[in-house]
Amino acid sequence: MDIEKMTLEELQVAVATEVMGWHWDEAWDCLI
């Protein structure tokens, strides 16, 4: 995951998923 190329929204989602203990791939599947 290239953080520098991520948008602010993507970073917020990534942080939120980490805080909630989700796996990034699972959360991303839900969002898409």
PDB file of N, CA and C in Angstrom:
ATOM      1  N   MET A   1       0.854  -1.200   0.000  1.00  0.00           N
ATOM      2  CA  MET A   1       0.000   0.000   0.000  1.00  0.00           C
ATOM      3  C   MET A   1       0.884   1.243   0.000  1.00  0.00           C
ATOM      4  N   ASP A   2       0.752   2.041  -1.052  1.00  0.00           N
ATOM      5  CA  ASP A   2       1.579   3.244  -1.186  1.00  0.00           C
ATOM      6  C   ASP A   2       0.825   4.428  -0.607  1.00  0.00           C
ATOM      7  N   ILE A   3       1.136   4.753   0.640  1.00  0.00           N
ATOM      8  CA  ILE A   3       0.394   5.796   1.351  1.00  0.00           C
ATOM      9  C   ILE A   3       0.500   7.149   0.646  1.00  0.00           C
ATOM     10  N   GLU A   4       1.647   7.450   0.073  1.00  0.00           N
ATOM     11  CA  GLU A   4       1.826   8.758  -0.555  1.00  0.00           C
ATOM     12  C   GLU A   4       0.889   8.972  -1.737  1.00  0.00           C
ATOM     13  N   LYS A   5       0.456   7.858  -2.370  1.00  0.00           N
ATOM     14  CA  LYS A   5      -0.411   7.969  -3.548  1.00  0.00           C
ATOM     15  C   LYS A   5      -1.889   7.849  -3.180  1.00  0.00           C
ATOM     16  N   MET A   6      -2.160   7.635  -1.905  1.00  0.00           N
ATOM     17  CA  MET A   6      -3.556   7.490  -1.475  1.00  0.00           C
ATOM     18  C   MET A   6      -4.196   8.862  -1.293  1.00  0.00           C
ATOM     19  N   THR A   7      -5.501   8.928  -1.530  1.00  0.00           N
ATOM     20  CA  THR A   7      -6.220  10.169  -1.290  1.00  0.00           C
ATOM     21  C   THR A   7      -6.537  10.281   0.200  1.00  0.00           C
ATOM     22  N   LEU A   8      -6.948  11.467   0.609  1.00  0.00           N
ATOM     23  CA  LEU A   8      -7.274  11.679   2.019  1.00  0.00           C
ATOM     24  C   LEU A   8      -8.389  10.728   2.454  1.00  0.00           C
ATOM     25  N   GLU A   9      -9.378  10.560   1.585  1.00  0.00           N
ATOM     26  CA  GLU A   9     -10.504   9.681   1.918  1.00  0.00           C
ATOM     27  C   GLU A   9     -10.016   8.248   2.118  1.00  0.00           C
ATOM     28  N   GLU A  10      -9.118   7.802   1.234  1.00  0.00           N
ATOM     29  CA  GLU A  10      -8.590   6.442   1.344  1.00  0.00           C
ATOM     30  C   GLU A  10      -7.807   6.278   2.642  1.00  0.00           C
ATOM     31  N   LEU A  11      -7.060   7.305   3.021  1.00  0.00           N
ATOM     32  CA  LEU A  11      -6.306   7.241   4.275  1.00  0.00           C
ATOM     33  C   LEU A  11      -7.254   7.156   5.460  1.00  0.00           C
ATOM     34  N   GLN A  12      -8.318   7.936   5.416  1.00  0.00           N
ATOM     35  CA  GLN A  12      -9.290   7.920   6.510  1.00  0.00           C
ATOM     36  C   GLN A  12      -9.920   6.541   6.646  1.00  0.00           C
ATOM     37  N   VAL A  13     -10.250   5.935   5.513  1.00  0.00           N
ATOM     38  CA  VAL A  13     -10.837   4.593   5.532  1.00  0.00           C
ATOM     39  C   VAL A  13      -9.825   3.585   6.073  1.00  0.00           C
ATOM     40  N   ALA A  14      -8.579   3.730   5.634  1.00  0.00           N
ATOM     41  CA  ALA A  14      -7.539   2.803   6.079  1.00  0.00           C
ATOM     42  C   ALA A  14      -7.351   2.897   7.587  1.00  0.00           C
ATOM     43  N   VAL A  15      -7.314   4.121   8.110  1.00  0.00           N
ATOM     44  CA  VAL A  15      -7.148   4.309   9.551  1.00  0.00           C
ATOM     45  C   VAL A  15      -8.348   3.749  10.296  1.00  0.00           C
ATOM     46  N   ALA A  16      -9.541   4.029   9.779  1.00  0.00           N
ATOM     47  CA  ALA A  16     -10.762   3.555  10.433  1.00  0.00           C
ATOM     48  C   ALA A  16     -10.780   2.031  10.494  1.00  0.00           C
ATOM     49  N   THR A  17     -10.394   1.377   9.404  1.00  0.00           N
ATOM     50  CA  THR A  17     -10.420  -0.079   9.375  1.00  0.00           C
ATOM     51  C   THR A  17      -9.391  -0.644  10.350  1.00  0.00           C
ATOM     52  N   GLU A  18      -8.235   0.025  10.453  1.00  0.00           N
ATOM     53  CA  GLU A  18      -7.215  -0.453  11.385  1.00  0.00           C
ATOM     54  C   GLU A  18      -7.716  -0.333  12.822  1.00  0.00           C
ATOM     55  N   VAL A  19      -8.344   0.803  13.115  1.00  0.00           N
ATOM     56  CA  VAL A  19      -8.846   1.048  14.475  1.00  0.00           C
ATOM     57  C   VAL A  19      -9.905   0.018  14.838  1.00  0.00           C
ATOM     58  N   MET A  20     -10.766  -0.311  13.859  1.00  0.00           N
ATOM     59  CA  MET A  20     -11.840  -1.265  14.130  1.00  0.00           C
ATOM     60  C   MET A  20     -11.354  -2.704  14.067  1.00  0.00           C
ATOM     61  N   GLY A  21     -10.100  -2.887  13.650  1.00  0.00           N
ATOM     62  CA  GLY A  21      -9.551  -4.230  13.629  1.00  0.00           C
ATOM     63  C   GLY A  21      -9.962  -5.028  12.412  1.00  0.00           C
ATOM     64  N   TRP A  22     -10.470  -4.339  11.382  1.00  0.00           N
ATOM     65  CA  TRP A  22     -10.832  -5.035  10.159  1.00  0.00           C
ATOM     66  C   TRP A  22      -9.592  -5.317   9.333  1.00  0.00           C
ATOM     67  N   HIS A  23      -9.734  -6.266   8.424  1.00  0.00           N
ATOM     68  CA  HIS A  23      -8.683  -6.456   7.429  1.00  0.00           C
ATOM     69  C   HIS A  23      -8.978  -5.497   6.278  1.00  0.00           C
ATOM     70  N   TRP A  24      -7.944  -4.836   5.783  1.00  0.00           N
ATOM     71  CA  TRP A  24      -8.121  -3.845   4.722  1.00  0.00           C
ATOM     72  C   TRP A  24      -8.859  -4.439   3.529  1.00  0.00           C
ATOM     73  N   ASP A  25      -8.489  -5.626   3.097  1.00  0.00           N
ATOM     74  CA  ASP A  25      -9.118  -6.244   1.925  1.00  0.00           C
ATOM     75  C   ASP A  25     -10.608  -6.476   2.147  1.00  0.00           C
ATOM     76  N   GLU A  26     -10.983  -6.914   3.345  1.00  0.00           N
ATOM     77  CA  GLU A  26     -12.392  -7.168   3.630  1.00  0.00           C
ATOM     78  C   GLU A  26     -13.185  -5.871   3.620  1.00  0.00           C
ATOM     79  N   ALA A  27     -12.622  -4.837   4.230  1.00  0.00           N
ATOM     80  CA  ALA A  27     -13.311  -3.549   4.282  1.00  0.00           C
ATOM     81  C   ALA A  27     -13.448  -2.972   2.879  1.00  0.00           C
ATOM     82  N   TRP A  28     -12.399  -3.116   2.070  1.00  0.00           N
ATOM     83  CA  TRP A  28     -12.428  -2.573   0.710  1.00  0.00           C
ATOM     84  C   TRP A  28     -13.496  -3.277  -0.115  1.00  0.00           C
ATOM     85  N   ASP A  29     -13.634  -4.585   0.065  1.00  0.00           N
ATOM     86  CA  ASP A  29     -14.664  -5.338  -0.655  1.00  0.00           C
ATOM     87  C   ASP A  29     -16.055  -4.798  -0.295  1.00  0.00           C
ATOM     88  N   CYS A  30     -16.250  -4.444   0.953  1.00  0.00           N
ATOM     89  CA  CYS A  30     -17.545  -3.931   1.395  1.00  0.00           C
ATOM     90  C   CYS A  30     -17.820  -2.566   0.760  1.00  0.00           C
ATOM     91  N   LEU A  31     -16.778  -1.724   0.667  1.00  0.00           N
ATOM     92  CA  LEU A  31     -16.956  -0.381   0.129  1.00  0.00           C
ATOM     93  C   LEU A  31     -17.235  -0.411  -1.371  1.00  0.00           C
ATOM     94  N   ILE A  32     -16.616  -1.331  -2.060  1.00  0.00           N
ATOM     95  CA  ILE A  32     -16.834  -1.431  -3.507  1.00  0.00           C
ATOM     96  C   ILE A  32     -18.131  -2.201  -3.751  1.00  0.00           C
TER      97      ILE A  32
END
